[in-house]
């Protein structure tokens, strides 16, 4: 496939930078990635699944 051509059109999502950094660390903790998590939540939202993705254990307040 030539560079710059993708199967799916890009979507714009602009999360809060602090939240995004925390989320990246959280998905890495459960051996996943942000794209897989967002897609899993969207599937749950549209009732394609009843399962939410795994999340890491809550850390004690620092």
PDB file of N, CA and C in Angstrom:
ATOM      1  N   UNK A   1       0.846  -1.167   0.000  1.00  0.00           N
ATOM      2  CA  UNK A   1       0.000   0.000   0.000  1.00  0.00           C
ATOM      3  C   UNK A   1       0.898   1.239   0.000  1.00  0.00           C
ATOM      4  N   UNK A   2       0.651   2.188  -0.889  1.00  0.00           N
ATOM      5  CA  UNK A   2       1.474   3.399  -0.922  1.00  0.00           C
ATOM      6  C   UNK A   2       1.348   4.199   0.370  1.00  0.00           C
ATOM      7  N   UNK A   3       2.429   4.892   0.715  1.00  0.00           N
ATOM      8  CA  UNK A   3       2.421   5.706   1.930  1.00  0.00           C
ATOM      9  C   UNK A   3       1.333   6.771   1.846  1.00  0.00           C
ATOM     10  N   UNK A   4       0.674   7.022   2.953  1.00  0.00           N
ATOM     11  CA  UNK A   4      -0.334   8.064   3.008  1.00  0.00           C
ATOM     12  C   UNK A   4      -1.739   7.592   2.681  1.00  0.00           C
ATOM     13  N   UNK A   5      -1.900   6.362   2.231  1.00  0.00           N
ATOM     14  CA  UNK A   5      -3.226   5.839   1.923  1.00  0.00           C
ATOM     15  C   UNK A   5      -3.615   4.856   3.023  1.00  0.00           C
ATOM     16  N   UNK A   6      -4.751   5.112   3.642  1.00  0.00           N
ATOM     17  CA  UNK A   6      -5.201   4.268   4.748  1.00  0.00           C
ATOM     18  C   UNK A   6      -6.567   3.683   4.426  1.00  0.00           C
ATOM     19  N   UNK A   7      -6.863   2.576   5.062  1.00  0.00           N
ATOM     20  CA  UNK A   7      -8.159   1.937   4.851  1.00  0.00           C
ATOM     21  C   UNK A   7      -9.296   2.723   5.487  1.00  0.00           C
ATOM     22  N   UNK A   8      -9.010   3.395   6.590  1.00  0.00           N
ATOM     23  CA  UNK A   8     -10.053   4.130   7.306  1.00  0.00           C
ATOM     24  C   UNK A   8      -9.637   5.591   7.457  1.00  0.00           C
ATOM     25  N   UNK A   9     -10.621   6.457   7.335  1.00  0.00           N
ATOM     26  CA  UNK A   9     -10.372   7.886   7.480  1.00  0.00           C
ATOM     27  C   UNK A   9     -10.036   8.221   8.934  1.00  0.00           C
ATOM     28  N   UNK A  10      -9.103   9.135   9.149  1.00  0.00           N
ATOM     29  CA  UNK A  10      -8.727   9.544  10.500  1.00  0.00           C
ATOM     30  C   UNK A  10      -9.868  10.312  11.162  1.00  0.00           C
ATOM     31  N   UNK A  11     -10.006  10.153  12.471  1.00  0.00           N
ATOM     32  CA  UNK A  11     -10.990  10.882  13.257  1.00  0.00           C
ATOM     33  C   UNK A  11     -10.235  11.802  14.215  1.00  0.00           C
ATOM     34  N   UNK A  12     -10.819  12.915  14.536  1.00  0.00           N
ATOM     35  CA  UNK A  12     -10.174  13.846  15.448  1.00  0.00           C
ATOM     36  C   UNK A  12     -10.759  13.682  16.840  1.00  0.00           C
ATOM     37  N   UNK A  13      -9.912  13.385  17.781  1.00  0.00           N
ATOM     38  CA  UNK A  13     -10.286  13.263  19.181  1.00  0.00           C
ATOM     39  C   UNK A  13      -9.217  13.990  19.971  1.00  0.00           C
ATOM     40  N   UNK A  14      -9.594  14.955  20.766  1.00  0.00           N
ATOM     41  CA  UNK A  14      -8.627  15.750  21.508  1.00  0.00           C
ATOM     42  C   UNK A  14      -8.889  15.651  23.009  1.00  0.00           C
ATOM     43  N   UNK A  15      -8.373  14.597  23.631  1.00  0.00           N
ATOM     44  CA  UNK A  15      -8.581  14.468  25.078  1.00  0.00           C
ATOM     45  C   UNK A  15      -7.722  15.478  25.842  1.00  0.00           C
ATOM     46  N   UNK A  16      -8.098  15.713  27.069  1.00  0.00           N
ATOM     47  CA  UNK A  16      -7.288  16.537  27.950  1.00  0.00           C
ATOM     48  C   UNK A  16      -5.891  15.921  28.022  1.00  0.00           C
ATOM     49  N   UNK A  17      -4.824  16.700  27.857  1.00  0.00           N
ATOM     50  CA  UNK A  17      -3.465  16.129  27.839  1.00  0.00           C
ATOM     51  C   UNK A  17      -3.100  15.322  29.081  1.00  0.00           C
ATOM     52  N   UNK A  18      -3.503  15.790  30.266  1.00  0.00           N
ATOM     53  CA  UNK A  18      -3.184  15.041  31.490  1.00  0.00           C
ATOM     54  C   UNK A  18      -3.924  13.714  31.538  1.00  0.00           C
ATOM     55  N   UNK A  19      -5.186  13.734  31.156  1.00  0.00           N
ATOM     56  CA  UNK A  19      -5.986  12.506  31.138  1.00  0.00           C
ATOM     57  C   UNK A  19      -5.397  11.527  30.126  1.00  0.00           C
ATOM     58  N   UNK A  20      -4.990  12.027  28.965  1.00  0.00           N
ATOM     59  CA  UNK A  20      -4.435  11.166  27.925  1.00  0.00           C
ATOM     60  C   UNK A  20      -3.154  10.471  28.403  1.00  0.00           C
ATOM     61  N   UNK A  21      -2.284  11.210  29.072  1.00  0.00           N
ATOM     62  CA  UNK A  21      -1.039  10.612  29.562  1.00  0.00           C
ATOM     63  C   UNK A  21      -1.329   9.523  30.594  1.00  0.00           C
ATOM     64  N   UNK A  22      -2.282   9.780  31.479  1.00  0.00           N
ATOM     65  CA  UNK A  22      -2.657   8.768  32.478  1.00  0.00           C
ATOM     66  C   UNK A  22      -3.282   7.548  31.807  1.00  0.00           C
ATOM     67  N   UNK A  23      -4.100   7.785  30.782  1.00  0.00           N
ATOM     68  CA  UNK A  23      -4.742   6.680  30.067  1.00  0.00           C
ATOM     69  C   UNK A  23      -3.713   5.842  29.318  1.00  0.00           C
ATOM     70  N   UNK A  24      -2.723   6.480  28.707  1.00  0.00           N
ATOM     71  CA  UNK A  24      -1.668   5.722  28.014  1.00  0.00           C
ATOM     72  C   UNK A  24      -0.944   4.796  28.989  1.00  0.00           C
ATOM     73  N   UNK A  25      -0.650   5.299  30.171  1.00  0.00           N
ATOM     74  CA  UNK A  25       0.015   4.470  31.175  1.00  0.00           C
ATOM     75  C   UNK A  25      -0.903   3.333  31.624  1.00  0.00           C
ATOM     76  N   UNK A  26      -2.188   3.616  31.769  1.00  0.00           N
ATOM     77  CA  UNK A  26      -3.139   2.592  32.222  1.00  0.00           C
ATOM     78  C   UNK A  26      -3.282   1.473  31.204  1.00  0.00           C
ATOM     79  N   UNK A  27      -3.404   1.805  29.920  1.00  0.00           N
ATOM     80  CA  UNK A  27      -3.552   0.734  28.925  1.00  0.00           C
ATOM     81  C   UNK A  27      -2.270  -0.074  28.791  1.00  0.00           C
ATOM     82  N   UNK A  28      -1.131   0.570  28.984  1.00  0.00           N
ATOM     83  CA  UNK A  28       0.135  -0.172  28.940  1.00  0.00           C
ATOM     84  C   UNK A  28       0.213  -1.164  30.095  1.00  0.00           C
ATOM     85  N   UNK A  29      -0.354  -0.797  31.243  1.00  0.00           N
ATOM     86  CA  UNK A  29      -0.349  -1.690  32.417  1.00  0.00           C
ATOM     87  C   UNK A  29      -1.103  -2.982  32.169  1.00  0.00           C
ATOM     88  N   UNK A  30      -2.118  -2.943  31.321  1.00  0.00           N
ATOM     89  CA  UNK A  30      -2.906  -4.147  31.033  1.00  0.00           C
ATOM     90  C   UNK A  30      -2.558  -4.718  29.659  1.00  0.00           C
ATOM     91  N   UNK A  31      -1.380  -4.327  29.163  1.00  0.00           N
ATOM     92  CA  UNK A  31      -0.839  -4.887  27.923  1.00  0.00           C
ATOM     93  C   UNK A  31      -1.756  -4.627  26.726  1.00  0.00           C
ATOM     94  N   UNK A  32      -2.196  -3.380  26.568  1.00  0.00           N
ATOM     95  CA  UNK A  32      -3.061  -3.014  25.462  1.00  0.00           C
ATOM     96  C   UNK A  32      -2.593  -1.685  24.879  1.00  0.00           C
ATOM     97  N   UNK A  33      -3.443  -1.061  24.077  1.00  0.00           N
ATOM     98  CA  UNK A  33      -3.115   0.245  23.512  1.00  0.00           C
ATOM     99  C   UNK A  33      -4.375   1.107  23.448  1.00  0.00           C
ATOM    100  N   UNK A  34      -4.179   2.393  23.241  1.00  0.00           N
ATOM    101  CA  UNK A  34      -5.284   3.337  23.269  1.00  0.00           C
ATOM    102  C   UNK A  34      -6.326   3.028  22.191  1.00  0.00           C
ATOM    103  N   UNK A  35      -5.896   2.668  21.004  1.00  0.00           N
ATOM    104  CA  UNK A  35      -6.836   2.378  19.915  1.00  0.00           C
ATOM    105  C   UNK A  35      -7.760   1.213  20.280  1.00  0.00           C
ATOM    106  N   UNK A  36      -7.200   0.157  20.827  1.00  0.00           N
ATOM    107  CA  UNK A  36      -8.012  -0.998  21.214  1.00  0.00           C
ATOM    108  C   UNK A  36      -9.019  -0.605  22.301  1.00  0.00           C
ATOM    109  N   UNK A  37      -8.600   0.211  23.245  1.00  0.00           N
ATOM    110  CA  UNK A  37      -9.502   0.636  24.317  1.00  0.00           C
ATOM    111  C   UNK A  37     -10.634   1.496  23.792  1.00  0.00           C
ATOM    112  N   UNK A  38     -10.308   2.474  22.968  1.00  0.00           N
ATOM    113  CA  UNK A  38     -11.349   3.351  22.434  1.00  0.00           C
ATOM    114  C   UNK A  38     -12.347   2.538  21.622  1.00  0.00           C
ATOM    115  N   UNK A  39     -11.870   1.630  20.793  1.00  0.00           N
ATOM    116  CA  UNK A  39     -12.779   0.789  20.004  1.00  0.00           C
ATOM    117  C   UNK A  39     -13.634  -0.099  20.904  1.00  0.00           C
ATOM    118  N   UNK A  40     -13.059  -0.636  21.967  1.00  0.00           N
ATOM    119  CA  UNK A  40     -13.830  -1.476  22.895  1.00  0.00           C
ATOM    120  C   UNK A  40     -14.936  -0.665  23.577  1.00  0.00           C
ATOM    121  N   UNK A  41     -14.632   0.549  23.988  1.00  0.00           N
ATOM    122  CA  UNK A  41     -15.656   1.396  24.603  1.00  0.00           C
ATOM    123  C   UNK A  41     -16.744   1.760  23.606  1.00  0.00           C
ATOM    124  N   UNK A  42     -16.374   2.035  22.364  1.00  0.00           N
ATOM    125  CA  UNK A  42     -17.371   2.368  21.352  1.00  0.00           C
ATOM    126  C   UNK A  42     -18.281   1.179  21.064  1.00  0.00           C
ATOM    127  N   UNK A  43     -17.724  -0.023  21.018  1.00  0.00           N
ATOM    128  CA  UNK A  43     -18.549  -1.212  20.821  1.00  0.00           C
ATOM    129  C   UNK A  43     -19.521  -1.403  21.980  1.00  0.00           C
ATOM    130  N   UNK A  44     -19.063  -1.144  23.201  1.00  0.00           N
ATOM    131  CA  UNK A  44     -19.941  -1.228  24.360  1.00  0.00           C
ATOM    132  C   UNK A  44     -21.046  -0.165  24.267  1.00  0.00           C
ATOM    133  N   UNK A  45     -20.671   1.048  23.868  1.00  0.00           N
ATOM    134  CA  UNK A  45     -21.615   2.158  23.781  1.00  0.00           C
ATOM    135  C   UNK A  45     -22.758   1.888  22.806  1.00  0.00           C
ATOM    136  N   UNK A  46     -22.457   1.217  21.697  1.00  0.00           N
ATOM    137  CA  UNK A  46     -23.494   0.952  20.692  1.00  0.00           C
ATOM    138  C   UNK A  46     -24.125  -0.433  20.864  1.00  0.00           C
ATOM    139  N   UNK A  47     -23.913  -1.032  22.022  1.00  0.00           N
ATOM    140  CA  UNK A  47     -24.530  -2.315  22.378  1.00  0.00           C
ATOM    141  C   UNK A  47     -24.093  -3.479  21.484  1.00  0.00           C
ATOM    142  N   UNK A  48     -22.877  -3.405  20.965  1.00  0.00           N
ATOM    143  CA  UNK A  48     -22.326  -4.533  20.198  1.00  0.00           C
ATOM    144  C   UNK A  48     -21.721  -5.569  21.149  1.00  0.00           C
ATOM    145  N   UNK A  49     -21.448  -5.151  22.384  1.00  0.00           N
ATOM    146  CA  UNK A  49     -20.911  -6.044  23.402  1.00  0.00           C
ATOM    147  C   UNK A  49     -21.372  -5.556  24.767  1.00  0.00           C
ATOM    148  N   UNK A  50     -21.376  -6.445  25.742  1.00  0.00           N
ATOM    149  CA  UNK A  50     -21.679  -6.054  27.111  1.00  0.00           C
ATOM    150  C   UNK A  50     -20.414  -6.027  27.965  1.00  0.00           C
ATOM    151  N   UNK A  51     -19.285  -6.346  27.354  1.00  0.00           N
ATOM    152  CA  UNK A  51     -18.022  -6.411  28.090  1.00  0.00           C
ATOM    153  C   UNK A  51     -17.225  -5.127  27.928  1.00  0.00           C
ATOM    154  N   UNK A  52     -16.847  -4.563  29.058  1.00  0.00           N
ATOM    155  CA  UNK A  52     -15.948  -3.419  29.037  1.00  0.00           C
ATOM    156  C   UNK A  52     -14.518  -3.933  29.096  1.00  0.00           C
ATOM    157  N   UNK A  53     -13.575  -3.189  28.545  1.00  0.00           N
ATOM    158  CA  UNK A  53     -12.179  -3.641  28.597  1.00  0.00           C
ATOM    159  C   UNK A  53     -11.645  -3.648  30.032  1.00  0.00           C
ATOM    160  N   UNK A  54     -10.671  -4.476  30.252  1.00  0.00           N
ATOM    161  CA  UNK A  54     -10.029  -4.585  31.561  1.00  0.00           C
ATOM    162  C   UNK A  54      -9.324  -3.284  31.902  1.00  0.00           C
ATOM    163  N   UNK A  55      -9.352  -2.939  33.165  1.00  0.00           N
ATOM    164  CA  UNK A  55      -8.581  -1.766  33.565  1.00  0.00           C
ATOM    165  C   UNK A  55      -7.649  -2.161  34.692  1.00  0.00           C
ATOM    166  N   UNK A  56      -6.552  -1.425  34.857  1.00  0.00           N
ATOM    167  CA  UNK A  56      -5.589  -1.784  35.899  1.00  0.00           C
ATOM    168  C   UNK A  56      -6.157  -1.510  37.279  1.00  0.00           C
ATOM    169  N   UNK A  57      -5.572  -2.122  38.304  1.00  0.00           N
ATOM    170  CA  UNK A  57      -6.036  -1.853  39.675  1.00  0.00           C
ATOM    171  C   UNK A  57      -5.835  -0.378  40.019  1.00  0.00           C
ATOM    172  N   UNK A  58      -6.716   0.132  40.843  1.00  0.00           N
ATOM    173  CA  UNK A  58      -6.622   1.528  41.257  1.00  0.00           C
ATOM    174  C   UNK A  58      -5.419   1.711  42.166  1.00  0.00           C
ATOM    175  N   UNK A  59      -4.634   2.741  41.879  1.00  0.00           N
ATOM    176  CA  UNK A  59      -3.465   3.037  42.710  1.00  0.00           C
ATOM    177  C   UNK A  59      -3.894   3.891  43.896  1.00  0.00           C
ATOM    178  N   UNK A  60      -3.232   3.703  45.022  1.00  0.00           N
ATOM    179  CA  UNK A  60      -3.557   4.559  46.170  1.00  0.00           C
ATOM    180  C   UNK A  60      -3.210   6.018  45.856  1.00  0.00           C
ATOM    181  N   UNK A  61      -3.924   6.961  46.464  1.00  0.00           N
ATOM    182  CA  UNK A  61      -3.631   8.377  46.210  1.00  0.00           C
ATOM    183  C   UNK A  61      -2.199   8.720  46.559  1.00  0.00           C
ATOM    184  N   UNK A  62      -1.615   9.594  45.753  1.00  0.00           N
ATOM    185  CA  UNK A  62      -0.204   9.957  46.032  1.00  0.00           C
ATOM    186  C   UNK A  62      -0.097  11.258  46.778  1.00  0.00           C
TER     187      UNK A  62
END
